[in-house]
Amino acid sequence: MANTAPSPHLRKFAAALAVTGLLFWLYTFYAIARVPMGDGSGFQWLAVIPLGFIFLMLTLPSLVLVLIGRWLQLAAVLGMIGLAAFGYVWLQLLAEFPKH
């Protein structure tokens, strides 16, 4: 019978990706709160919608899979895609936010 136990290195890698995504998502709330108010409309808070979507669709499932220890390869792939999506969206948002 083949050894079907997941690699501890894969679990650590997937966990690092998922936790990095979680911490970045939390950081975005801090960063958005520090954006100058501009016209005072609060429209900068609309940025949490695409970031929240990325978190809910990619990072959170990755984190759950790591915590239950199942489908760790899928968890790692979701974590990588989530970080890439966070990076792409965040760079777009930084171009839109007014400078200090």
PDB file of N, CA and C in Angstrom:
ATOM      1  N   MET A   1       0.856  -1.173   0.000  1.00  0.00           N
ATOM      2  CA  MET A   1       0.000   0.000   0.000  1.00  0.00           C
ATOM      3  C   MET A   1       0.902   1.236   0.000  1.00  0.00           C
ATOM      4  N   ALA A   2       0.570   2.193  -0.853  1.00  0.00           N
ATOM      5  CA  ALA A   2       1.375   3.412  -0.985  1.00  0.00           C
ATOM      6  C   ALA A   2       1.122   4.345   0.192  1.00  0.00           C
ATOM      7  N   ASN A   3       2.146   5.110   0.497  1.00  0.00           N
ATOM      8  CA  ASN A   3       2.027   6.102   1.560  1.00  0.00           C
ATOM      9  C   ASN A   3       1.195   7.272   1.038  1.00  0.00           C
ATOM     10  N   THR A   4       0.019   7.488   1.614  1.00  0.00           N
ATOM     11  CA  THR A   4      -0.878   8.550   1.151  1.00  0.00           C
ATOM     12  C   THR A   4      -0.904   9.725   2.112  1.00  0.00           C
ATOM     13  N   ALA A   5      -0.035   9.725   3.098  1.00  0.00           N
ATOM     14  CA  ALA A   5       0.013  10.836   4.050  1.00  0.00           C
ATOM     15  C   ALA A   5       0.524  12.084   3.340  1.00  0.00           C
ATOM     16  N   PRO A   6      -0.127  13.209   3.586  1.00  0.00           N
ATOM     17  CA  PRO A   6       0.326  14.439   2.931  1.00  0.00           C
ATOM     18  C   PRO A   6       1.700  14.872   3.439  1.00  0.00           C
ATOM     19  N   SER A   7       2.435  15.482   2.561  1.00  0.00           N
ATOM     20  CA  SER A   7       3.768  15.961   2.917  1.00  0.00           C
ATOM     21  C   SER A   7       3.654  17.104   3.915  1.00  0.00           C
ATOM     22  N   PRO A   8       4.433  17.053   5.003  1.00  0.00           N
ATOM     23  CA  PRO A   8       4.396  18.167   5.950  1.00  0.00           C
ATOM     24  C   PRO A   8       4.910  19.463   5.316  1.00  0.00           C
ATOM     25  N   HIS A   9       5.813  19.340   4.329  1.00  0.00           N
ATOM     26  CA  HIS A   9       6.319  20.535   3.650  1.00  0.00           C
ATOM     27  C   HIS A   9       5.216  21.188   2.815  1.00  0.00           C
ATOM     28  N   LEU A  10       4.404  20.367   2.164  1.00  0.00           N
ATOM     29  CA  LEU A  10       3.297  20.900   1.370  1.00  0.00           C
ATOM     30  C   LEU A  10       2.289  21.587   2.275  1.00  0.00           C
ATOM     31  N   ARG A  11       2.029  20.993   3.418  1.00  0.00           N
ATOM     32  CA  ARG A  11       1.087  21.616   4.356  1.00  0.00           C
ATOM     33  C   ARG A  11       1.620  22.961   4.868  1.00  0.00           C
ATOM     34  N   LYS A  12       2.906  23.013   5.193  1.00  0.00           N
ATOM     35  CA  LYS A  12       3.503  24.270   5.655  1.00  0.00           C
ATOM     36  C   LYS A  12       3.471  25.325   4.556  1.00  0.00           C
ATOM     37  N   PHE A  13       3.757  24.917   3.324  1.00  0.00           N
ATOM     38  CA  PHE A  13       3.752  25.837   2.195  1.00  0.00           C
ATOM     39  C   PHE A  13       2.344  26.387   1.953  1.00  0.00           C
ATOM     40  N   ALA A  14       1.357  25.496   1.924  1.00  0.00           N
ATOM     41  CA  ALA A  14      -0.028  25.922   1.721  1.00  0.00           C
ATOM     42  C   ALA A  14      -0.496  26.811   2.869  1.00  0.00           C
ATOM     43  N   ALA A  15      -0.092  26.478   4.088  1.00  0.00           N
ATOM     44  CA  ALA A  15      -0.470  27.294   5.244  1.00  0.00           C
ATOM     45  C   ALA A  15       0.177  28.676   5.163  1.00  0.00           C
ATOM     46  N   ALA A  16       1.420  28.738   4.749  1.00  0.00           N
ATOM     47  CA  ALA A  16       2.097  30.032   4.622  1.00  0.00           C
ATOM     48  C   ALA A  16       1.403  30.909   3.583  1.00  0.00           C
ATOM     49  N   LEU A  17       0.998  30.310   2.468  1.00  0.00           N
ATOM     50  CA  LEU A  17       0.279  31.073   1.444  1.00  0.00           C
ATOM     51  C   LEU A  17      -1.060  31.574   1.974  1.00  0.00           C
ATOM     52  N   ALA A  18      -1.806  30.704   2.633  1.00  0.00           N
ATOM     53  CA  ALA A  18      -3.125  31.082   3.141  1.00  0.00           C
ATOM     54  C   ALA A  18      -3.029  32.153   4.228  1.00  0.00           C
ATOM     55  N   VAL A  19      -2.094  32.001   5.140  1.00  0.00           N
ATOM     56  CA  VAL A  19      -1.934  32.983   6.224  1.00  0.00           C
ATOM     57  C   VAL A  19      -1.435  34.316   5.667  1.00  0.00           C
ATOM     58  N   THR A  20      -0.551  34.273   4.679  1.00  0.00           N
ATOM     59  CA  THR A  20      -0.096  35.509   4.044  1.00  0.00           C
ATOM     60  C   THR A  20      -1.266  36.233   3.394  1.00  0.00           C
ATOM     61  N   GLY A  21      -2.130  35.495   2.711  1.00  0.00           N
ATOM     62  CA  GLY A  21      -3.326  36.094   2.114  1.00  0.00           C
ATOM     63  C   GLY A  21      -4.243  36.692   3.156  1.00  0.00           C
ATOM     64  N   LEU A  22      -4.434  35.990   4.255  1.00  0.00           N
ATOM     65  CA  LEU A  22      -5.275  36.489   5.346  1.00  0.00           C
ATOM     66  C   LEU A  22      -4.705  37.777   5.930  1.00  0.00           C
ATOM     67  N   LEU A  23      -3.413  37.774   6.207  1.00  0.00           N
ATOM     68  CA  LEU A  23      -2.784  38.962   6.788  1.00  0.00           C
ATOM     69  C   LEU A  23      -2.806  40.139   5.821  1.00  0.00           C
ATOM     70  N   PHE A  24      -2.604  39.876   4.531  1.00  0.00           N
ATOM     71  CA  PHE A  24      -2.669  40.962   3.560  1.00  0.00           C
ATOM     72  C   PHE A  24      -4.084  41.530   3.488  1.00  0.00           C
ATOM     73  N   TRP A  25      -5.077  40.668   3.480  1.00  0.00           N
ATOM     74  CA  TRP A  25      -6.467  41.121   3.433  1.00  0.00           C
ATOM     75  C   TRP A  25      -6.780  41.998   4.648  1.00  0.00           C
ATOM     76  N   LEU A  26      -6.339  41.592   5.815  1.00  0.00           N
ATOM     77  CA  LEU A  26      -6.549  42.413   7.012  1.00  0.00           C
ATOM     78  C   LEU A  26      -5.805  43.739   6.910  1.00  0.00           C
ATOM     79  N   TYR A  27      -4.592  43.710   6.356  1.00  0.00           N
ATOM     80  CA  TYR A  27      -3.816  44.939   6.174  1.00  0.00           C
ATOM     81  C   TYR A  27      -4.541  45.930   5.260  1.00  0.00           C
ATOM     82  N   THR A  28      -5.259  45.433   4.267  1.00  0.00           N
ATOM     83  CA  THR A  28      -5.915  46.341   3.331  1.00  0.00           C
ATOM     84  C   THR A  28      -6.937  47.238   4.025  1.00  0.00           C
ATOM     85  N   PHE A  29      -7.562  46.756   5.070  1.00  0.00           N
ATOM     86  CA  PHE A  29      -8.511  47.603   5.809  1.00  0.00           C
ATOM     87  C   PHE A  29      -7.772  48.771   6.465  1.00  0.00           C
ATOM     88  N   TYR A  30      -6.627  48.498   7.040  1.00  0.00           N
ATOM     89  CA  TYR A  30      -5.805  49.541   7.647  1.00  0.00           C
ATOM     90  C   TYR A  30      -5.359  50.543   6.581  1.00  0.00           C
ATOM     91  N   ALA A  31      -4.882  50.022   5.451  1.00  0.00           N
ATOM     92  CA  ALA A  31      -4.366  50.896   4.396  1.00  0.00           C
ATOM     93  C   ALA A  31      -5.478  51.747   3.792  1.00  0.00           C
ATOM     94  N   ILE A  32      -6.651  51.171   3.585  1.00  0.00           N
ATOM     95  CA  ILE A  32      -7.764  51.935   3.019  1.00  0.00           C
ATOM     96  C   ILE A  32      -8.226  53.006   4.004  1.00  0.00           C
ATOM     97  N   ALA A  33      -8.190  52.710   5.284  1.00  0.00           N
ATOM     98  CA  ALA A  33      -8.590  53.696   6.290  1.00  0.00           C
ATOM     99  C   ALA A  33      -7.646  54.896   6.307  1.00  0.00           C
ATOM    100  N   ARG A  34      -6.421  54.717   5.847  1.00  0.00           N
ATOM    101  CA  ARG A  34      -5.436  55.799   5.848  1.00  0.00           C
ATOM    102  C   ARG A  34      -5.443  56.607   4.552  1.00  0.00           C
ATOM    103  N   VAL A  35      -6.258  56.200   3.577  1.00  0.00           N
ATOM    104  CA  VAL A  35      -6.345  56.948   2.320  1.00  0.00           C
ATOM    105  C   VAL A  35      -6.984  58.302   2.617  1.00  0.00           C
ATOM    106  N   PRO A  36      -6.430  59.392   2.078  1.00  0.00           N
ATOM    107  CA  PRO A  36      -7.046  60.706   2.305  1.00  0.00           C
ATOM    108  C   PRO A  36      -8.510  60.699   1.855  1.00  0.00           C
ATOM    109  N   MET A  37      -9.335  61.421   2.581  1.00  0.00           N
ATOM    110  CA  MET A  37     -10.776  61.385   2.351  1.00  0.00           C
ATOM    111  C   MET A  37     -11.197  61.919   0.981  1.00  0.00           C
ATOM    112  N   GLY A  38     -10.409  62.769   0.353  1.00  0.00           N
ATOM    113  CA  GLY A  38     -10.795  63.304  -0.953  1.00  0.00           C
ATOM    114  C   GLY A  38     -12.027  64.176  -0.817  1.00  0.00           C
ATOM    115  N   ASP A  39     -13.124  63.772  -1.453  1.00  0.00           N
ATOM    116  CA  ASP A  39     -14.353  64.574  -1.390  1.00  0.00           C
ATOM    117  C   ASP A  39     -15.228  64.202  -0.199  1.00  0.00           C
ATOM    118  N   GLY A  40     -14.772  63.301   0.635  1.00  0.00           N
ATOM    119  CA  GLY A  40     -15.526  62.924   1.834  1.00  0.00           C
ATOM    120  C   GLY A  40     -16.651  61.936   1.580  1.00  0.00           C
ATOM    121  N   SER A  41     -16.707  61.378   0.381  1.00  0.00           N
ATOM    122  CA  SER A  41     -17.794  60.453   0.040  1.00  0.00           C
ATOM    123  C   SER A  41     -17.581  59.056   0.603  1.00  0.00           C
ATOM    124  N   GLY A  42     -16.341  58.690   0.895  1.00  0.00           N
ATOM    125  CA  GLY A  42     -16.050  57.353   1.408  1.00  0.00           C
ATOM    126  C   GLY A  42     -15.974  56.290   0.330  1.00  0.00           C
ATOM    127  N   PHE A  43     -15.920  56.718  -0.927  1.00  0.00           N
ATOM    128  CA  PHE A  43     -15.888  55.747  -2.017  1.00  0.00           C
ATOM    129  C   PHE A  43     -14.644  54.864  -1.990  1.00  0.00           C
ATOM    130  N   GLN A  44     -13.616  55.261  -1.285  1.00  0.00           N
ATOM    131  CA  GLN A  44     -12.428  54.415  -1.214  1.00  0.00           C
ATOM    132  C   GLN A  44     -12.757  53.066  -0.563  1.00  0.00           C
ATOM    133  N   TRP A  45     -13.825  53.023   0.243  1.00  0.00           N
ATOM    134  CA  TRP A  45     -14.193  51.776   0.906  1.00  0.00           C
ATOM    135  C   TRP A  45     -14.812  50.763  -0.045  1.00  0.00           C
ATOM    136  N   LEU A  46     -15.146  51.183  -1.255  1.00  0.00           N
ATOM    137  CA  LEU A  46     -15.622  50.221  -2.249  1.00  0.00           C
ATOM    138  C   LEU A  46     -14.533  49.227  -2.626  1.00  0.00           C
ATOM    139  N   ALA A  47     -13.289  49.577  -2.341  1.00  0.00           N
ATOM    140  CA  ALA A  47     -12.165  48.682  -2.645  1.00  0.00           C
ATOM    141  C   ALA A  47     -12.243  47.377  -1.863  1.00  0.00           C
ATOM    142  N   VAL A  48     -12.967  47.374  -0.748  1.00  0.00           N
ATOM    143  CA  VAL A  48     -13.051  46.133   0.034  1.00  0.00           C
ATOM    144  C   VAL A  48     -13.877  45.070  -0.680  1.00  0.00           C
ATOM    145  N   ILE A  49     -14.681  45.456  -1.666  1.00  0.00           N
ATOM    146  CA  ILE A  49     -15.520  44.475  -2.356  1.00  0.00           C
ATOM    147  C   ILE A  49     -14.686  43.488  -3.173  1.00  0.00           C
ATOM    148  N   PRO A  50     -13.844  43.947  -4.110  1.00  0.00           N
ATOM    149  CA  PRO A  50     -13.048  42.947  -4.835  1.00  0.00           C
ATOM    150  C   PRO A  50     -12.044  42.222  -3.940  1.00  0.00           C
ATOM    151  N   LEU A  51     -11.504  42.937  -2.957  1.00  0.00           N
ATOM    152  CA  LEU A  51     -10.562  42.285  -2.040  1.00  0.00           C
ATOM    153  C   LEU A  51     -11.268  41.231  -1.189  1.00  0.00           C
ATOM    154  N   GLY A  52     -12.469  41.531  -0.750  1.00  0.00           N
ATOM    155  CA  GLY A  52     -13.252  40.558   0.014  1.00  0.00           C
ATOM    156  C   GLY A  52     -13.646  39.361  -0.830  1.00  0.00           C
ATOM    157  N   PHE A  53     -13.955  39.600  -2.100  1.00  0.00           N
ATOM    158  CA  PHE A  53     -14.284  38.501  -3.010  1.00  0.00           C
ATOM    159  C   PHE A  53     -13.097  37.559  -3.159  1.00  0.00           C
ATOM    160  N   ILE A  54     -11.914  38.131  -3.346  1.00  0.00           N
ATOM    161  CA  ILE A  54     -10.699  37.306  -3.454  1.00  0.00           C
ATOM    162  C   ILE A  54     -10.496  36.501  -2.175  1.00  0.00           C
ATOM    163  N   PHE A  55     -10.683  37.152  -1.028  1.00  0.00           N
ATOM    164  CA  PHE A  55     -10.512  36.445   0.236  1.00  0.00           C
ATOM    165  C   PHE A  55     -11.507  35.296   0.359  1.00  0.00           C
ATOM    166  N   LEU A  56     -12.786  35.577   0.089  1.00  0.00           N
ATOM    167  CA  LEU A  56     -13.823  34.553   0.275  1.00  0.00           C
ATOM    168  C   LEU A  56     -13.735  33.406  -0.728  1.00  0.00           C
ATOM    169  N   MET A  57     -13.311  33.699  -1.953  1.00  0.00           N
ATOM    170  CA  MET A  57     -13.295  32.671  -2.992  1.00  0.00           C
ATOM    171  C   MET A  57     -11.982  31.893  -3.088  1.00  0.00           C
ATOM    172  N   LEU A  58     -10.882  32.487  -2.627  1.00  0.00           N
ATOM    173  CA  LEU A  58      -9.590  31.833  -2.797  1.00  0.00           C
ATOM    174  C   LEU A  58      -8.850  31.604  -1.476  1.00  0.00           C
ATOM    175  N   THR A  59      -8.689  32.653  -0.697  1.00  0.00           N
ATOM    176  CA  THR A  59      -7.872  32.540   0.512  1.00  0.00           C
ATOM    177  C   THR A  59      -8.561  31.738   1.606  1.00  0.00           C
ATOM    178  N   LEU A  60      -9.830  32.021   1.864  1.00  0.00           N
ATOM    179  CA  LEU A  60     -10.541  31.303   2.926  1.00  0.00           C
ATOM    180  C   LEU A  60     -10.656  29.807   2.639  1.00  0.00           C
ATOM    181  N   PRO A  61     -11.035  29.395   1.413  1.00  0.00           N
ATOM    182  CA  PRO A  61     -11.043  27.943   1.157  1.00  0.00           C
ATOM    183  C   PRO A  61      -9.660  27.311   1.320  1.00  0.00           C
ATOM    184  N   SER A  62      -8.625  28.034   0.904  1.00  0.00           N
ATOM    185  CA  SER A  62      -7.272  27.521   1.080  1.00  0.00           C
ATOM    186  C   SER A  62      -6.954  27.320   2.558  1.00  0.00           C
ATOM    187  N   LEU A  63      -7.323  28.299   3.360  1.00  0.00           N
ATOM    188  CA  LEU A  63      -7.081  28.213   4.801  1.00  0.00           C
ATOM    189  C   LEU A  63      -7.860  27.055   5.428  1.00  0.00           C
ATOM    190  N   VAL A  64      -9.097  26.881   5.028  1.00  0.00           N
ATOM    191  CA  VAL A  64      -9.916  25.786   5.564  1.00  0.00           C
ATOM    192  C   VAL A  64      -9.325  24.440   5.177  1.00  0.00           C
ATOM    193  N   LEU A  65      -8.914  24.292   3.916  1.00  0.00           N
ATOM    194  CA  LEU A  65      -8.326  23.029   3.481  1.00  0.00           C
ATOM    195  C   LEU A  65      -7.046  22.710   4.253  1.00  0.00           C
ATOM    196  N   VAL A  66      -6.249  23.718   4.520  1.00  0.00           N
ATOM    197  CA  VAL A  66      -5.025  23.497   5.302  1.00  0.00           C
ATOM    198  C   VAL A  66      -5.381  23.067   6.722  1.00  0.00           C
ATOM    199  N   LEU A  67      -6.366  23.736   7.315  1.00  0.00           N
ATOM    200  CA  LEU A  67      -6.732  23.416   8.697  1.00  0.00           C
ATOM    201  C   LEU A  67      -7.289  22.008   8.852  1.00  0.00           C
ATOM    202  N   ILE A  68      -8.028  21.523   7.842  1.00  0.00           N
ATOM    203  CA  ILE A  68      -8.558  20.167   7.936  1.00  0.00           C
ATOM    204  C   ILE A  68      -7.587  19.131   7.379  1.00  0.00           C
ATOM    205  N   GLY A  69      -6.500  19.618   6.740  1.00  0.00           N
ATOM    206  CA  GLY A  69      -5.473  18.706   6.241  1.00  0.00           C
ATOM    207  C   GLY A  69      -5.873  17.919   5.017  1.00  0.00           C
ATOM    208  N   ARG A  70      -6.770  18.452   4.213  1.00  0.00           N
ATOM    209  CA  ARG A  70      -7.228  17.762   3.006  1.00  0.00           C
ATOM    210  C   ARG A  70      -6.888  18.569   1.772  1.00  0.00           C
ATOM    211  N   TRP A  71      -6.686  17.909   0.657  1.00  0.00           N
ATOM    212  CA  TRP A  71      -6.473  18.537  -0.645  1.00  0.00           C
ATOM    213  C   TRP A  71      -5.456  19.668  -0.552  1.00  0.00           C
ATOM    214  N   LEU A  72      -4.309  19.355   0.003  1.00  0.00           N
ATOM    215  CA  LEU A  72      -3.293  20.374   0.238  1.00  0.00           C
ATOM    216  C   LEU A  72      -2.731  20.961  -1.059  1.00  0.00           C
ATOM    217  N   GLN A  73      -2.699  20.168  -2.122  1.00  0.00           N
ATOM    218  CA  GLN A  73      -2.249  20.712  -3.404  1.00  0.00           C
ATOM    219  C   GLN A  73      -3.225  21.769  -3.900  1.00  0.00           C
ATOM    220  N   LEU A  74      -4.506  21.500  -3.777  1.00  0.00           N
ATOM    221  CA  LEU A  74      -5.517  22.485  -4.155  1.00  0.00           C
ATOM    222  C   LEU A  74      -5.413  23.718  -3.261  1.00  0.00           C
ATOM    223  N   ALA A  75      -5.172  23.512  -1.983  1.00  0.00           N
ATOM    224  CA  ALA A  75      -5.015  24.633  -1.052  1.00  0.00           C
ATOM    225  C   ALA A  75      -3.845  25.514  -1.468  1.00  0.00           C
ATOM    226  N   ALA A  76      -2.740  24.897  -1.874  1.00  0.00           N
ATOM    227  CA  ALA A  76      -1.570  25.668  -2.302  1.00  0.00           C
ATOM    228  C   ALA A  76      -1.865  26.435  -3.590  1.00  0.00           C
ATOM    229  N   VAL A  77      -2.550  25.802  -4.513  1.00  0.00           N
ATOM    230  CA  VAL A  77      -2.891  26.477  -5.773  1.00  0.00           C
ATOM    231  C   VAL A  77      -3.840  27.648  -5.513  1.00  0.00           C
ATOM    232  N   LEU A  78      -4.856  27.427  -4.692  1.00  0.00           N
ATOM    233  CA  LEU A  78      -5.768  28.517  -4.357  1.00  0.00           C
ATOM    234  C   LEU A  78      -5.039  29.657  -3.657  1.00  0.00           C
ATOM    235  N   GLY A  79      -4.108  29.321  -2.763  1.00  0.00           N
ATOM    236  CA  GLY A  79      -3.330  30.334  -2.069  1.00  0.00           C
ATOM    237  C   GLY A  79      -2.474  31.150  -3.021  1.00  0.00           C
ATOM    238  N   MET A  80      -1.848  30.488  -3.988  1.00  0.00           N
ATOM    239  CA  MET A  80      -1.020  31.204  -4.960  1.00  0.00           C
ATOM    240  C   MET A  80      -1.865  32.098  -5.860  1.00  0.00           C
ATOM    241  N   ILE A  81      -2.976  31.574  -6.331  1.00  0.00           N
ATOM    242  CA  ILE A  81      -3.859  32.379  -7.177  1.00  0.00           C
ATOM    243  C   ILE A  81      -4.410  33.556  -6.384  1.00  0.00           C
ATOM    244  N   GLY A  82      -4.753  33.315  -5.125  1.00  0.00           N
ATOM    245  CA  GLY A  82      -5.263  34.393  -4.279  1.00  0.00           C
ATOM    246  C   GLY A  82      -4.244  35.498  -4.074  1.00  0.00           C
ATOM    247  N   LEU A  83      -3.002  35.134  -3.802  1.00  0.00           N
ATOM    248  CA  LEU A  83      -1.964  36.156  -3.621  1.00  0.00           C
ATOM    249  C   LEU A  83      -1.711  36.928  -4.910  1.00  0.00           C
ATOM    250  N   ALA A  84      -1.729  36.226  -6.035  1.00  0.00           N
ATOM    251  CA  ALA A  84      -1.543  36.912  -7.319  1.00  0.00           C
ATOM    252  C   ALA A  84      -2.711  37.869  -7.581  1.00  0.00           C
ATOM    253  N   ALA A  85      -3.927  37.436  -7.277  1.00  0.00           N
ATOM    254  CA  ALA A  85      -5.099  38.289  -7.474  1.00  0.00           C
ATOM    255  C   ALA A  85      -5.054  39.491  -6.539  1.00  0.00           C
ATOM    256  N   PHE A  86      -4.675  39.267  -5.280  1.00  0.00           N
ATOM    257  CA  PHE A  86      -4.528  40.385  -4.343  1.00  0.00           C
ATOM    258  C   PHE A  86      -3.518  41.396  -4.889  1.00  0.00           C
ATOM    259  N   GLY A  87      -2.388  40.909  -5.363  1.00  0.00           N
ATOM    260  CA  GLY A  87      -1.357  41.791  -5.886  1.00  0.00           C
ATOM    261  C   GLY A  87      -1.847  42.602  -7.070  1.00  0.00           C
ATOM    262  N   TYR A  88      -2.527  41.957  -8.009  1.00  0.00           N
ATOM    263  CA  TYR A  88      -3.029  42.648  -9.189  1.00  0.00           C
ATOM    264  C   TYR A  88      -4.051  43.716  -8.813  1.00  0.00           C
ATOM    265  N   VAL A  89      -5.032  43.341  -8.016  1.00  0.00           N
ATOM    266  CA  VAL A  89      -6.078  44.293  -7.626  1.00  0.00           C
ATOM    267  C   VAL A  89      -5.497  45.420  -6.785  1.00  0.00           C
ATOM    268  N   TRP A  90      -4.595  45.096  -5.868  1.00  0.00           N
ATOM    269  CA  TRP A  90      -4.022  46.127  -4.998  1.00  0.00           C
ATOM    270  C   TRP A  90      -3.218  47.147  -5.803  1.00  0.00           C
ATOM    271  N   LEU A  91      -2.459  46.683  -6.785  1.00  0.00           N
ATOM    272  CA  LEU A  91      -1.708  47.622  -7.620  1.00  0.00           C
ATOM    273  C   LEU A  91      -2.652  48.534  -8.404  1.00  0.00           C
ATOM    274  N   GLN A  92      -3.770  47.996  -8.860  1.00  0.00           N
ATOM    275  CA  GLN A  92      -4.755  48.822  -9.551  1.00  0.00           C
ATOM    276  C   GLN A  92      -5.360  49.853  -8.598  1.00  0.00           C
ATOM    277  N   LEU A  93      -5.649  49.423  -7.386  1.00  0.00           N
ATOM    278  CA  LEU A  93      -6.232  50.345  -6.405  1.00  0.00           C
ATOM    279  C   LEU A  93      -5.257  51.445  -6.000  1.00  0.00           C
ATOM    280  N   LEU A  94      -3.991  51.094  -5.845  1.00  0.00           N
ATOM    281  CA  LEU A  94      -3.000  52.101  -5.481  1.00  0.00           C
ATOM    282  C   LEU A  94      -2.913  53.198  -6.541  1.00  0.00           C
ATOM    283  N   ALA A  95      -3.109  52.828  -7.790  1.00  0.00           N
ATOM    284  CA  ALA A  95      -3.083  53.836  -8.854  1.00  0.00           C
ATOM    285  C   ALA A  95      -4.301  54.760  -8.770  1.00  0.00           C
ATOM    286  N   GLU A  96      -5.390  54.278  -8.189  1.00  0.00           N
ATOM    287  CA  GLU A  96      -6.619  55.068  -8.095  1.00  0.00           C
ATOM    288  C   GLU A  96      -6.706  55.912  -6.831  1.00  0.00           C
ATOM    289  N   PHE A  97      -6.080  55.462  -5.769  1.00  0.00           N
ATOM    290  CA  PHE A  97      -6.153  56.202  -4.512  1.00  0.00           C
ATOM    291  C   PHE A  97      -5.402  57.525  -4.626  1.00  0.00           C
ATOM    292  N   PRO A  98      -5.957  58.587  -4.030  1.00  0.00           N
ATOM    293  CA  PRO A  98      -5.210  59.853  -4.049  1.00  0.00           C
ATOM    294  C   PRO A  98      -3.947  59.728  -3.200  1.00  0.00           C
ATOM    295  N   LYS A  99      -2.932  60.463  -3.604  1.00  0.00           N
ATOM    296  CA  LYS A  99      -1.659  60.441  -2.866  1.00  0.00           C
ATOM    297  C   LYS A  99      -1.758  61.318  -1.630  1.00  0.00           C
ATOM    298  N   HIS A 100      -0.974  60.989  -0.628  1.00  0.00           N
ATOM    299  CA  HIS A 100      -0.971  61.751   0.637  1.00  0.00           C
ATOM    300  C   HIS A 100      -0.490  63.137   0.425  1.00  0.00           C
TER     301      HIS A 100
END
